C-alpha atoms as a PDB file:
ATOM      1  CA  MET A   1      -1.996  -5.380 -21.159  1.00  0.00           C
ATOM      2  CA  ARG A   2       1.247  -4.682 -19.305  1.00  0.00           C
ATOM      3  CA  LEU A   3       3.289  -7.653 -18.112  1.00  0.00           C
ATOM      4  CA  TYR A   4       5.885  -7.529 -15.337  1.00  0.00           C
ATOM      5  CA  ARG A   5       8.984  -9.676 -14.953  1.00  0.00           C
ATOM      6  CA  THR A   6       9.240 -11.651 -11.726  1.00  0.00           C
ATOM      7  CA  GLY A   7      11.862  -9.319 -10.227  1.00  0.00           C
ATOM      8  CA  LYS A   8       9.756  -6.185 -10.620  1.00  0.00           C
ATOM      9  CA  ALA A   9       6.541  -7.983  -9.628  1.00  0.00           C
ATOM     10  CA  SER A  10       8.102  -9.343  -6.432  1.00  0.00           C
ATOM     11  CA  GLN A  11       9.342  -5.847  -5.589  1.00  0.00           C
ATOM     12  CA  LEU A  12       5.883  -4.331  -6.127  1.00  0.00           C
ATOM     13  CA  LEU A  13       4.243  -7.046  -4.033  1.00  0.00           C
ATOM     14  CA  GLY A  14       6.819  -6.887  -1.236  1.00  0.00           C
ATOM     15  CA  ILE A  15       7.738 -10.575  -1.443  1.00  0.00           C
ATOM     16  CA  SER A  16      10.899 -12.377  -2.484  1.00  0.00           C
ATOM     17  CA  LYS A  17      11.345 -13.660  -6.015  1.00  0.00           C
ATOM     18  CA  PRO A  18      11.413 -17.348  -4.902  1.00  0.00           C
ATOM     19  CA  THR A  19       8.165 -16.801  -2.971  1.00  0.00           C
ATOM     20  CA  LEU A  20       6.565 -15.242  -6.046  1.00  0.00           C
ATOM     21  CA  ILE A  21       7.602 -18.162  -8.244  1.00  0.00           C
ATOM     22  CA  ARG A  22       6.337 -20.662  -5.656  1.00  0.00           C
ATOM     23  CA  LYS A  23       2.962 -18.876  -5.575  1.00  0.00           C
ATOM     24  CA  ILE A  24       2.829 -18.884  -9.393  1.00  0.00           C
ATOM     25  CA  LYS A  25       3.531 -22.627  -9.514  1.00  0.00           C
ATOM     26  CA  SER A  26       0.901 -23.333  -6.841  1.00  0.00           C
ATOM     27  CA  GLY A  27      -1.695 -21.303  -8.761  1.00  0.00           C
ATOM     28  CA  GLU A  28      -2.103 -18.542  -6.163  1.00  0.00           C
ATOM     29  CA  ILE A  29      -0.802 -15.967  -8.640  1.00  0.00           C
ATOM     30  CA  LYS A  30      -1.733 -15.982 -12.319  1.00  0.00           C
ATOM     31  CA  ALA A  31       1.169 -15.608 -14.738  1.00  0.00           C
ATOM     32  CA  TYR A  32       2.143 -16.309 -18.319  1.00  0.00           C
ATOM     33  CA  ARG A  33       5.113 -18.449 -19.243  1.00  0.00           C
ATOM     34  CA  VAL A  34       7.416 -16.821 -21.793  1.00  0.00           C
ATOM     35  CA  GLY A  35      10.190 -19.265 -22.629  1.00  0.00           C
ATOM     36  CA  LYS A  36      11.701 -20.208 -19.285  1.00  0.00           C
ATOM     37  CA  GLU A  37      10.465 -17.084 -17.503  1.00  0.00           C
ATOM     38  CA  TYR A  38       7.160 -15.903 -16.065  1.00  0.00           C
ATOM     39  CA  ARG A  39       5.356 -12.648 -16.744  1.00  0.00           C
ATOM     40  CA  ILE A  40       2.721 -11.348 -14.341  1.00  0.00           C
ATOM     41  CA  PRO A  41      -0.117  -9.194 -15.721  1.00  0.00           C
ATOM     42  CA  GLU A  42      -0.657  -5.760 -14.207  1.00  0.00           C
ATOM     43  CA  SER A  43      -4.252  -6.718 -13.403  1.00  0.00           C
ATOM     44  CA  GLU A  44      -2.986  -9.584 -11.217  1.00  0.00           C
ATOM     45  CA  ILE A  45      -0.616  -7.256  -9.348  1.00  0.00           C
ATOM     46  CA  LYS A  46      -3.467  -4.806  -8.732  1.00  0.00           C
ATOM     47  CA  ARG A  47      -5.729  -7.639  -7.517  1.00  0.00           C
ATOM     48  CA  LEU A  48      -3.112  -8.790  -5.037  1.00  0.00           C
ATOM     49  CA  LEU A  49      -2.352  -5.282  -3.782  1.00  0.00           C
ATOM     50  CA  GLU A  50      -6.040  -4.465  -3.225  1.00  0.00           C
ATOM     51  CA  GLY A  51      -6.362  -7.263  -0.697  1.00  0.00           C
ATOM     52  CA  LYS A  52      -3.112  -6.406   1.042  1.00  0.00           C
ATOM     53  CA  THR A  53      -3.495  -5.043   4.553  1.00  0.00           C
ATOM     54  CA  LEU A  54      -0.977  -2.682   6.059  1.00  0.00           C
ATOM     55  CA  ASP A  55       1.409  -4.248   8.520  1.00  0.00           C
ATOM     56  CA  LYS A  56       1.363  -2.382  11.808  1.00  0.00           C
ATOM     57  CA  VAL A  57       4.753  -1.611  13.329  1.00  0.00           C
ATOM     58  CA  VAL A  58       6.329   0.078  16.324  1.00  0.00           C
ATOM     59  CA  ILE A  59       9.516   1.999  15.632  1.00  0.00           C
ATOM     60  CA  TYR A  60      12.308   2.453  18.153  1.00  0.00           C
ATOM     61  CA  ALA A  61      15.125   4.977  18.032  1.00  0.00           C
ATOM     62  CA  ARG A  62      17.710   6.024  20.570  1.00  0.00           C
ATOM     63  CA  VAL A  63      20.866   8.027  21.034  1.00  0.00           C
ATOM     64  CA  SER A  64      23.471   7.875  23.765  1.00  0.00           C
ATOM     65  CA  SER A  65      23.049  11.373  25.209  1.00  0.00           C
ATOM     66  CA  ARG A  66      20.624  14.283  25.421  1.00  0.00           C
ATOM     67  CA  ASP A  67      23.061  16.351  23.350  1.00  0.00           C
ATOM     68  CA  GLN A  68      22.108  14.229  20.359  1.00  0.00           C
ATOM     69  CA  LYS A  69      18.423  15.151  20.391  1.00  0.00           C
ATOM     70  CA  GLU A  70      18.606  16.378  16.773  1.00  0.00           C
ATOM     71  CA  ASP A  71      20.098  13.030  15.746  1.00  0.00           C
ATOM     72  CA  LEU A  72      17.211  11.279  17.456  1.00  0.00           C
ATOM     73  CA  GLU A  73      14.676  13.373  15.575  1.00  0.00           C
ATOM     74  CA  ARG A  74      16.433  12.552  12.286  1.00  0.00           C
ATOM     75  CA  GLN A  75      16.412   8.854  13.151  1.00  0.00           C
ATOM     76  CA  VAL A  76      12.687   8.912  13.877  1.00  0.00           C
ATOM     77  CA  GLU A  77      11.964  10.792  10.647  1.00  0.00           C
ATOM     78  CA  TYR A  78      14.086   8.354   8.647  1.00  0.00           C
ATOM     79  CA  LEU A  79      12.322   5.350  10.196  1.00  0.00           C
ATOM     80  CA  LYS A  80       8.887   6.860   9.540  1.00  0.00           C
ATOM     81  CA  ASN A  81       9.797   7.491   5.890  1.00  0.00           C
ATOM     82  CA  TYR A  82      11.180   3.973   5.524  1.00  0.00           C
ATOM     83  CA  CYS A  83       8.057   2.405   7.010  1.00  0.00           C
ATOM     84  CA  SER A  84       5.848   4.499   4.782  1.00  0.00           C
ATOM     85  CA  SER A  85       7.797   3.487   1.659  1.00  0.00           C
ATOM     86  CA  LYS A  86       7.429  -0.200   2.562  1.00  0.00           C
ATOM     87  CA  GLY A  87       3.705   0.094   3.268  1.00  0.00           C
ATOM     88  CA  TYR A  88       3.921  -0.256   7.053  1.00  0.00           C
ATOM     89  CA  GLN A  89       1.577   1.621   9.350  1.00  0.00           C
ATOM     90  CA  VAL A  90       3.425   3.135  12.330  1.00  0.00           C
ATOM     91  CA  VAL A  91       1.247   2.704  15.407  1.00  0.00           C
ATOM     92  CA  LYS A  92       3.752   3.807  18.057  1.00  0.00           C
ATOM     93  CA  ILE A  93       7.134   5.506  18.298  1.00  0.00           C
ATOM     94  CA  LEU A  94       9.452   4.619  21.171  1.00  0.00           C
ATOM     95  CA  THR A  95      12.437   6.823  21.990  1.00  0.00           C
END
């Protein structure tokens, strides 16, 4: 059984470390106490991620002139990649 430290677990779950610890203390998230620290089992992380729904987002990009059209395309691509890496679902792109 693999156990994650709170920092890595909060990163995987997309929540802050204080929020993770609060949820552990309230019993929402199962964890083991090792000394003064918590360890979260991989099975608990998987359980929490299975129920996670994608947040829907609209992305907005702009440039100051038509001459910067390539910059605009790069901005949009960057924002799409960022949203994808964070687990967001892009529903609309405004330029």
